[in-house]
Each structure stands twice: as C-alpha cells, then as structure tokens.
Protein backbone atom coordinates (compact mmCIF):
# COMPACT_ATOMS: atom_id res chain seq x y z
CA MET A 1 117.85 97.58 106.52
CA GLU A 2 116.70 94.26 106.15
CA LEU A 3 114.49 91.47 107.62
CA ALA A 4 114.76 89.95 110.91
CA THR A 5 115.76 86.60 111.39
CA SER A 6 115.24 84.55 114.86
CA GLU A 7 119.06 84.74 115.97
CA ASP A 8 118.02 88.57 116.09
CA ALA A 9 115.44 87.83 118.85
CA GLU A 10 117.60 88.35 121.88
CA GLN A 11 118.98 92.27 120.14
CA LEU A 12 114.84 93.12 119.61
CA ALA A 13 113.91 92.26 123.19
CA SER A 14 116.78 95.11 123.89
CA ILE A 15 115.12 97.02 121.94
CA TYR A 16 111.57 96.80 123.41
CA ASP A 17 113.25 97.11 127.26
CA SER A 18 115.40 100.22 125.96
CA ASP A 19 111.48 102.27 125.73
CA ASP A 20 110.35 104.08 128.63
CA GLY A 21 106.84 103.08 127.84
CA PHE A 22 103.53 105.04 128.22
CA GLN A 23 104.23 107.77 130.77
CA GLY A 24 101.01 109.45 132.77
CA ASP A 25 99.55 109.20 135.80
CA ILE A 26 100.32 105.49 135.23
CA SER A 27 103.68 104.70 134.07
CA VAL A 28 103.92 101.43 132.03
CA LYS A 29 106.57 99.56 130.48
CA PHE A 30 105.76 97.35 127.76
CA THR A 31 107.81 94.49 126.85
CA ARG A 32 107.73 91.14 125.25
CA TYR A 33 110.26 88.76 126.32
CA PRO A 34 111.70 86.45 125.78
CA ASN A 35 111.11 86.53 122.12
CA PRO A 36 109.47 89.75 120.52
CA MET A 37 109.16 87.77 116.98
CA GLU A 38 107.01 85.67 118.67
CA SER A 39 104.86 87.41 120.79
CA LEU A 40 104.31 89.42 117.39
CA ALA A 41 103.62 86.28 115.29
CA ALA A 42 101.22 85.23 117.74
CA GLU A 43 99.13 88.22 117.18
CA GLY A 44 98.41 87.10 113.40
CA ASP A 45 99.06 84.39 110.84
CA ASP A 46 102.31 86.37 109.87
CA VAL A 47 104.66 88.65 111.07
CA VAL A 48 107.01 91.14 109.16
CA ILE A 49 109.64 92.62 111.04
CA PRO A 50 111.98 95.13 109.08
CA VAL A 51 115.37 95.79 111.57
CA VAL A 52 117.66 98.70 111.04
CA ARG A 53 121.48 97.39 111.91
CA ASP A 54 124.34 99.30 112.28
CA GLY A 55 126.67 98.88 109.51
CA GLU A 56 129.88 98.60 111.44
CA THR A 57 129.11 96.74 114.11
CA GLY A 58 126.29 94.47 112.93
CA GLN A 59 124.20 95.89 116.54
CA LEU A 60 120.15 96.20 115.72
CA VAL A 61 119.05 100.05 116.62
CA GLY A 62 115.62 100.24 115.39
CA MET A 63 112.89 98.37 114.34
CA GLY A 64 109.03 98.12 113.39
CA ALA A 65 106.73 95.56 112.32
CA CYS A 66 103.21 94.37 110.67
CA VAL A 67 101.47 92.04 111.91
CA LEU A 68 99.53 90.24 108.77
CA ARG A 69 95.82 88.77 109.38
CA ASP A 70 92.92 87.89 107.14
CA ALA A 71 90.17 90.49 108.46
CA TRP A 72 86.98 92.02 107.04
CA VAL A 73 86.67 94.70 105.05
CA ASP A 74 83.34 96.32 103.83
CA GLY A 75 82.03 92.57 104.07
CA GLU A 76 84.75 91.26 101.97
CA PRO A 77 88.22 88.54 104.11
CA CYS A 78 90.84 91.02 103.11
CA ARG A 79 94.34 91.12 103.98
CA VAL A 80 95.78 93.54 106.29
CA GLY A 81 98.82 94.70 108.37
CA TYR A 82 98.51 96.23 112.01
CA LEU A 83 101.89 98.31 112.08
CA THR A 84 103.39 98.42 115.18
CA GLY A 85 106.53 98.46 117.39
CA LEU A 86 108.22 101.61 115.40
CA LYS A 87 111.21 101.19 118.42
CA ALA A 88 114.94 102.62 118.88
CA LEU A 89 117.76 102.03 120.79
CA PRO A 90 118.27 105.89 122.67
CA ASP A 91 121.01 107.13 120.50
CA PHE A 92 119.55 106.25 117.80
CA ARG A 93 116.06 108.49 118.44
CA GLY A 94 116.99 111.33 116.17
CA TRP A 95 117.50 109.27 113.05
CA VAL A 96 113.87 110.55 111.64
CA ARG A 97 114.85 110.56 108.38
CA ILE A 98 115.17 106.93 107.86
CA ILE A 99 111.59 106.33 108.74
CA PRO A 100 110.53 106.80 105.26
CA GLN A 101 113.01 103.85 104.22
CA VAL A 102 111.59 101.98 107.15
CA TYR A 103 107.89 102.03 105.70
CA GLY A 104 109.27 101.63 102.24
CA PHE A 105 110.95 98.64 103.01
CA MET A 106 108.07 97.12 105.06
CA ARG A 107 105.16 97.98 102.05
CA GLU A 108 107.74 95.74 99.68
CA ASN A 109 107.87 93.17 101.83
CA THR A 110 103.99 92.61 102.14
CA PRO A 111 102.75 93.34 98.62
CA ASP A 112 99.46 91.62 99.43
CA VAL A 113 98.42 93.71 102.10
CA LYS A 114 95.80 95.85 101.41
CA LEU A 115 94.81 97.87 104.16
CA TYR A 116 97.07 98.82 106.41
CA TYR A 117 96.14 100.22 109.82
CA THR A 118 97.86 101.04 113.30
CA THR A 119 97.48 103.06 117.02
CA ILE A 120 98.51 105.63 118.37
CA LEU A 121 98.31 106.57 122.37
CA THR A 122 96.14 109.74 122.59
CA GLU A 123 98.70 111.64 125.10
CA ASN A 124 101.80 110.58 122.63
CA THR A 125 101.71 114.40 121.42
CA LEU A 126 105.55 113.15 120.01
CA ALA A 127 104.42 110.31 117.95
CA ARG A 128 101.83 112.47 116.45
CA LYS A 129 102.99 115.19 115.76
CA LEU A 130 105.41 112.95 114.17
CA LEU A 131 103.29 110.97 111.76
CA GLU A 132 100.08 112.92 111.36
CA ARG A 133 102.21 115.34 109.67
CA GLU A 134 102.79 114.94 105.83
CA HIS A 135 106.38 113.83 105.23
CA PRO A 136 108.35 113.16 101.67
CA GLY A 137 107.92 109.22 101.15
CA MET A 138 105.59 108.89 103.85
CA PRO A 139 102.32 107.15 103.84
CA HIS A 140 99.51 109.15 105.18
CA TYR A 141 98.08 108.66 108.31
CA GLU A 142 94.04 109.18 107.82
CA PHE A 143 92.41 108.82 111.09
CA VAL A 144 89.35 106.80 111.65
CA GLY A 145 88.41 107.17 115.44
CA GLU A 146 89.21 107.31 119.20
CA TYR A 147 89.65 103.77 120.59
CA GLN A 148 89.08 103.47 124.47
CA THR A 149 90.74 100.12 126.54
CA HIS A 150 89.56 99.59 129.70
CA CYS A 151 90.89 97.97 132.58
CA TYR A 152 88.41 96.15 134.72
CA ARG A 153 87.33 93.96 137.24
CA TRP A 154 84.15 92.08 138.35
CA ASN A 155 84.91 91.30 142.34
CA ARG A 156 80.89 89.49 143.22
CA PRO A 157 78.76 86.83 141.35
CA VAL A 158 75.82 88.02 139.20
CA VAL A 159 72.92 86.47 139.88
CA SER A 160 71.00 86.12 136.55
CA ARG A 161 68.48 83.23 135.16
CA ASN A 162 71.10 83.46 132.45
CA ARG A 163 73.66 80.93 132.14
CA LEU A 164 77.33 81.46 131.17
CA ARG A 165 79.03 78.40 129.62
CA GLN A 166 82.08 77.44 127.87
CA GLY A 167 81.87 77.58 123.44
CA THR A 168 83.59 76.06 120.81
CA LEU A 169 85.36 78.06 117.70
CA GLN A 170 82.98 76.83 115.38
CA GLU A 171 80.01 78.13 117.26
CA LEU A 172 81.84 81.72 118.14
CA SER A 173 82.13 81.87 114.26
CA ALA A 174 78.68 81.13 113.42
CA LEU A 175 77.70 83.40 115.72
CA ASN A 176 79.90 86.25 114.41
CA ALA A 177 78.03 85.81 111.13
CA LYS A 178 77.97 89.63 110.36
CA PRO A 179 81.56 90.78 110.83
CA ARG A 180 82.81 94.52 111.54
CA ASN A 181 85.55 95.72 109.62
CA LEU A 182 88.74 94.35 110.90
CA ALA A 183 87.96 91.78 112.92
CA ALA A 184 89.12 88.49 112.13
CA VAL A 185 87.64 86.05 109.48
CA GLY A 186 86.63 83.03 111.34
CA VAL A 187 88.06 83.71 114.69
CA SER A 188 90.93 85.96 116.31
CA PRO A 189 94.57 84.31 115.66
CA GLY A 190 96.06 82.34 118.76
CA VAL A 191 92.09 81.93 120.03
CA THR A 192 91.67 77.76 121.66
CA ASP A 193 88.01 76.35 122.32
CA ASP A 194 89.00 76.71 126.05
CA ASP A 195 88.76 80.96 124.83
CA VAL A 196 85.48 80.67 124.49
CA TRP A 197 82.61 81.92 126.35
CA VAL A 198 78.96 82.41 125.11
CA LEU A 199 76.11 83.59 127.78
CA SER A 200 72.96 81.53 127.04
CA SER A 201 69.45 81.62 127.76
CA SER A 202 67.69 79.58 130.21
CA ASP A 203 66.38 77.61 127.37
CA GLY A 204 69.95 77.48 125.54
CA GLU A 205 69.89 80.48 122.93
CA PRO A 206 73.02 82.61 122.79
CA LEU A 207 72.25 85.77 124.18
CA SER A 208 76.19 87.42 124.33
CA TRP A 209 79.29 85.65 123.31
CA CYS A 210 83.07 86.39 123.61
CA THR A 211 87.08 85.13 123.76
CA VAL A 212 88.93 85.74 127.15
CA ARG A 213 93.09 85.03 126.18
CA VAL A 214 96.17 85.90 127.83
CA PRO A 215 98.49 87.65 125.34
CA ALA A 216 101.59 85.42 124.18
CA LEU A 217 105.34 86.94 125.53
CA LYS A 218 103.21 90.33 126.07
CA GLN A 219 103.60 92.39 129.57
CA TYR A 220 103.05 95.39 130.88
CA THR A 221 104.95 96.44 134.18
CA VAL A 222 103.82 99.48 135.68
CA THR A 223 107.07 101.64 137.07
CA ARG A 224 105.66 104.37 138.50
CA TYR A 225 101.92 106.04 139.93
CA GLY A 226 102.19 109.73 140.19
CA GLY A 227 98.93 112.61 139.82
CA ARG A 228 95.63 111.54 141.19
CA TYR A 229 97.06 107.73 141.51
CA ALA A 230 99.78 108.43 143.53
CA ASN A 231 97.88 107.97 147.11
CA VAL A 232 95.46 106.02 145.42
CA ALA A 233 98.04 103.03 144.22
CA LYS A 234 98.10 102.69 148.06
CA LEU A 235 94.76 101.76 148.68
CA PRO A 236 93.15 98.43 148.38
CA VAL A 237 90.61 100.06 145.48
CA HIS A 238 89.16 96.74 144.59
CA TRP A 239 87.35 95.99 147.28
CA LEU A 240 85.40 98.68 145.48
CA GLY A 241 85.28 96.86 142.19
CA TYR A 242 87.87 99.06 140.52
CA PRO A 243 90.46 96.87 138.99
CA ARG A 244 93.91 95.56 141.09
CA LEU A 245 96.22 98.28 140.47
CA PRO A 246 99.45 96.47 139.86
CA GLY A 247 102.16 97.60 142.95
CA ALA A 248 105.27 99.59 141.51
CA GLY A 249 107.97 97.50 139.89
CA THR A 250 104.98 94.29 138.76
CA GLN A 251 103.91 92.74 135.74
CA ALA A 252 99.85 93.29 135.26
CA ASP A 253 98.39 90.04 135.50
CA TYR A 254 95.81 90.48 132.92
CA ALA A 255 93.74 88.76 130.16
CA VAL A 256 92.26 90.78 126.90
CA VAL A 257 88.34 90.07 125.79
CA GLY A 258 87.80 89.97 122.59
CA ASP A 259 85.57 88.36 119.46
CA LEU A 260 82.78 90.44 121.52
CA GLY A 261 79.18 89.97 120.12
CA ALA A 262 75.45 89.97 121.32
CA ARG A 263 72.08 89.21 120.03
CA ASP A 264 70.95 92.97 118.13
CA ASP A 265 73.90 94.33 119.43
CA ASP A 266 72.33 95.06 122.97
CA PRO A 267 74.90 96.45 125.56
CA ARG A 268 72.76 94.78 128.56
CA LEU A 269 73.71 91.58 127.65
CA VAL A 270 77.26 92.16 126.74
CA ARG A 271 76.98 94.16 130.24
CA GLU A 272 75.76 90.62 132.10
CA LEU A 273 78.63 89.05 130.13
CA LEU A 274 81.86 91.31 131.22
CA LYS A 275 80.55 91.14 134.74
CA ARG A 276 80.03 87.09 134.17
CA VAL A 277 84.05 86.12 132.67
CA GLY A 278 85.08 89.25 135.12
CA TRP A 279 83.74 87.35 138.42
CA LEU A 280 85.92 84.33 136.96
CA ASN A 281 88.84 85.98 136.25
CA ARG A 282 88.57 88.19 139.74
CA ASN A 283 92.35 86.84 141.14
CA ARG A 284 93.77 88.67 138.26
CA HIS A 285 94.46 92.46 138.53
CA PHE A 286 92.29 93.26 135.29
CA LEU A 287 90.84 92.11 132.03
CA MET A 288 90.96 94.66 129.23
CA VAL A 289 88.24 95.18 126.02
CA GLY A 290 88.44 97.98 123.43
CA LEU A 291 85.93 99.63 121.74
CA LEU A 292 86.03 102.46 118.92
CA ASP A 293 83.86 105.29 120.35
CA GLY A 294 80.31 105.35 118.94
CA HIS A 295 80.29 101.86 118.98
CA PRO A 296 77.21 99.92 120.10
CA HIS A 297 78.19 98.68 123.28
CA GLU A 298 79.93 101.75 123.82
CA SER A 299 77.30 101.57 126.89
CA ALA A 300 78.27 97.78 128.14
CA LEU A 301 80.62 99.38 130.37
CA SER A 302 78.04 101.51 132.07
CA GLY A 303 78.18 100.84 135.67
CA ILE A 304 81.18 98.91 135.42
CA ARG A 305 84.50 100.71 137.23
CA THR A 306 87.32 100.86 134.66
CA VAL A 307 90.67 102.73 134.47
CA ASP A 308 90.78 103.69 130.78
CA TYR A 309 93.10 104.85 127.88
CA SER A 310 92.48 106.52 124.92
CA SER A 311 94.35 105.82 121.68
CA ARG A 312 93.76 107.36 118.20
CA LEU A 313 93.19 104.55 115.34
CA TYR A 314 94.28 105.55 111.70
CA THR A 315 94.48 103.73 108.47
CA VAL A 316 97.99 104.07 106.60
CA GLY A 317 97.72 105.26 103.44
CA PHE A 318 100.40 103.42 101.26
CA ASP A 319 99.53 103.80 97.24
CA GLY A 320 96.55 101.62 95.90
CA CYS A 321 95.49 100.34 99.53
CA LEU A 322 92.18 100.42 101.16
CA SER A 323 90.85 103.23 104.07
CA LEU A 324 87.96 102.85 106.26
CA VAL A 325 85.55 104.85 107.80
CA SER A 326 84.90 104.98 111.40
CA ASP A 327 81.20 102.98 111.66
CA GLY A 328 81.37 99.39 112.41
CA ILE A 329 84.81 98.54 113.22
CA SER A 330 85.59 95.97 115.52
CA LEU A 331 89.33 96.61 116.58
CA ASP A 332 90.88 93.89 118.69
CA VAL A 333 92.90 94.95 121.97
CA GLY A 334 94.69 92.49 122.07
CA LEU A 335 96.77 94.39 119.63
CA LEU A 336 97.53 97.40 120.90
C-alpha cells in the first residue's frame, strides 16, 4: 500500500473503467478520464490517493481517495476530507480484509483533517451493509441525513422584473457570509468569476445566487435504461420540461449548481434562479443541484420536473475527529 503518483494515472483510470457503476432503472457508468488524479484534485485544494499494488506484478488493484478542502463546521473554518473512490479491479473485490488498512493508511496521510464525510447511494445496499456495520479497525459511519440529487432542465424563458447577471467570486463570498456546515471557506474549489450568477431586483439588490460549472474530467455515461424508463427514454420527454435523457452509451452533457443562497433563504427566489440558469443551459442534457432533506431551499424544486436519486450522508468517525448534525448542511453536489 502506498500513495499514488502521476505515473499511476492510466492504471487509476482503468480501475474506474472496470467499475460497473450505478445500476437501476437508469444505469450509469462513472469515469474520470483521462486522469483521475487531476479530476479528484480539482474537487478540493489537495487530494490523497492510497493505492493497493500487487506485490508480484506491480499492477494497481485497488484505490481510495480523500479530497481535502477548508470548509465551515459549526461556524469555524475546518480542514475536512471527503472520502470517495473506494474501488478495486473485479478479481480483487473480495479482499475485504484489507479495507481497514486502506482507511488506516488514509488517516495517517491526512493528519490535519478534523472531519471526514462521505456519501453512499441509498440503493447501494452492498456498500451500506459493508460500511455501516461495525468492523475491527474500521471507523464508525455515522448517518447524518438523506441527500437528494435533482437533475433538471428548464425549457422556456422566465418572465420577471428581476435580472440575472454574472457576479464575481468576491461578491459571492460576501453574499455567503453566513455559511452552512460543509460549505467551502470562500468559494468552492475550481470556481471562477465566469461561473457566478446573481439574481437581482430591478434596483440592483441581490436576491439569490449560485455557481454553475462543468466538473473537470468527470463523466457520466448512461449504459442502460430499464423499468419505467425503458420506453420513456425513447420519447422526447424534454419537450415536456423533463431533463434530456442521453442515449444509451452517451456521455451526459451536464453542469452542477453550487454555492446556492438567497435572501432570507427564500425558496421562491431560489426557484426563479434555478429556472433562469436552467434556461441559459437548456442545450445541455441537464443541470444537477443537491440538497439535504429538510434544507430551507427544498421546496424550490416544486414545479420543476426532475429526475432524482438519493444518497446517504455520513461522517466517518476516526478517533479524535468531529461529527455533524443534519441541521444547516450545504454539501457540494459536485463531489458526488
């Protein structure tokens, strides 16, 4: 076991490629071509990638990752780590006994992290059974709440006296002066002035704001439609206001909405903003926005037709680390 180096990029991409991805009515394969190290690094200000190497051949057979960033926790800046990318080549997925070693090695190489967190797809019962159960040498997975990822598209202009304009990182940082737990200190990594959007009143007062960005080197490819989507996917459902459904074998053209906020957390202002940026991105398959159940903006999606999936948010309890409660959390959907 060791840390990945730049020479491992191709083998890391092969591990991602070997993963069957999300299985369900819409089956999706998730990849990070051409360089998973660069892709993961773009989601924070640093990344630690433990890898497991075959002692005889030198081949990489498994990996994990911890994306590092500074975020707000209980009103204070805190070094946090998002755990992701726990994967192995098919012939090595039964090596459950080495998983505690991967976690221990991860902790050893991230000593400045005060809080670890992660998500698991709600429907991924195999991973949940493995990681929610107590195991010797494993940190405790503490359930925080259900997190909903909404894929949406808006197909008509919004008639309003309010004005949508581009903002700046400095303005966004000032608008999000009272951040929620897990919100990035300052702005989310990788965001530029070109990504910032502000909905303003006719007299220029900011009403709601967000970023819209395309994640670097991160692809979702639909591999199969089944169940209720088997026939629906053949129809032009985007004419009815639903997201465009990419053809099987096609990479999704998408962007993520983050750093979301509004005056007095008014969901009506968030709804108008989502519609306005949705209209600007109407030629994409969809935009993604994520909210923890009970979030003040939850009702903002009312009246917007979405395709959704659910994940479970956990804190990962290494000794001496912090935990979270479900109130006041803003999880960056771009991490999922």
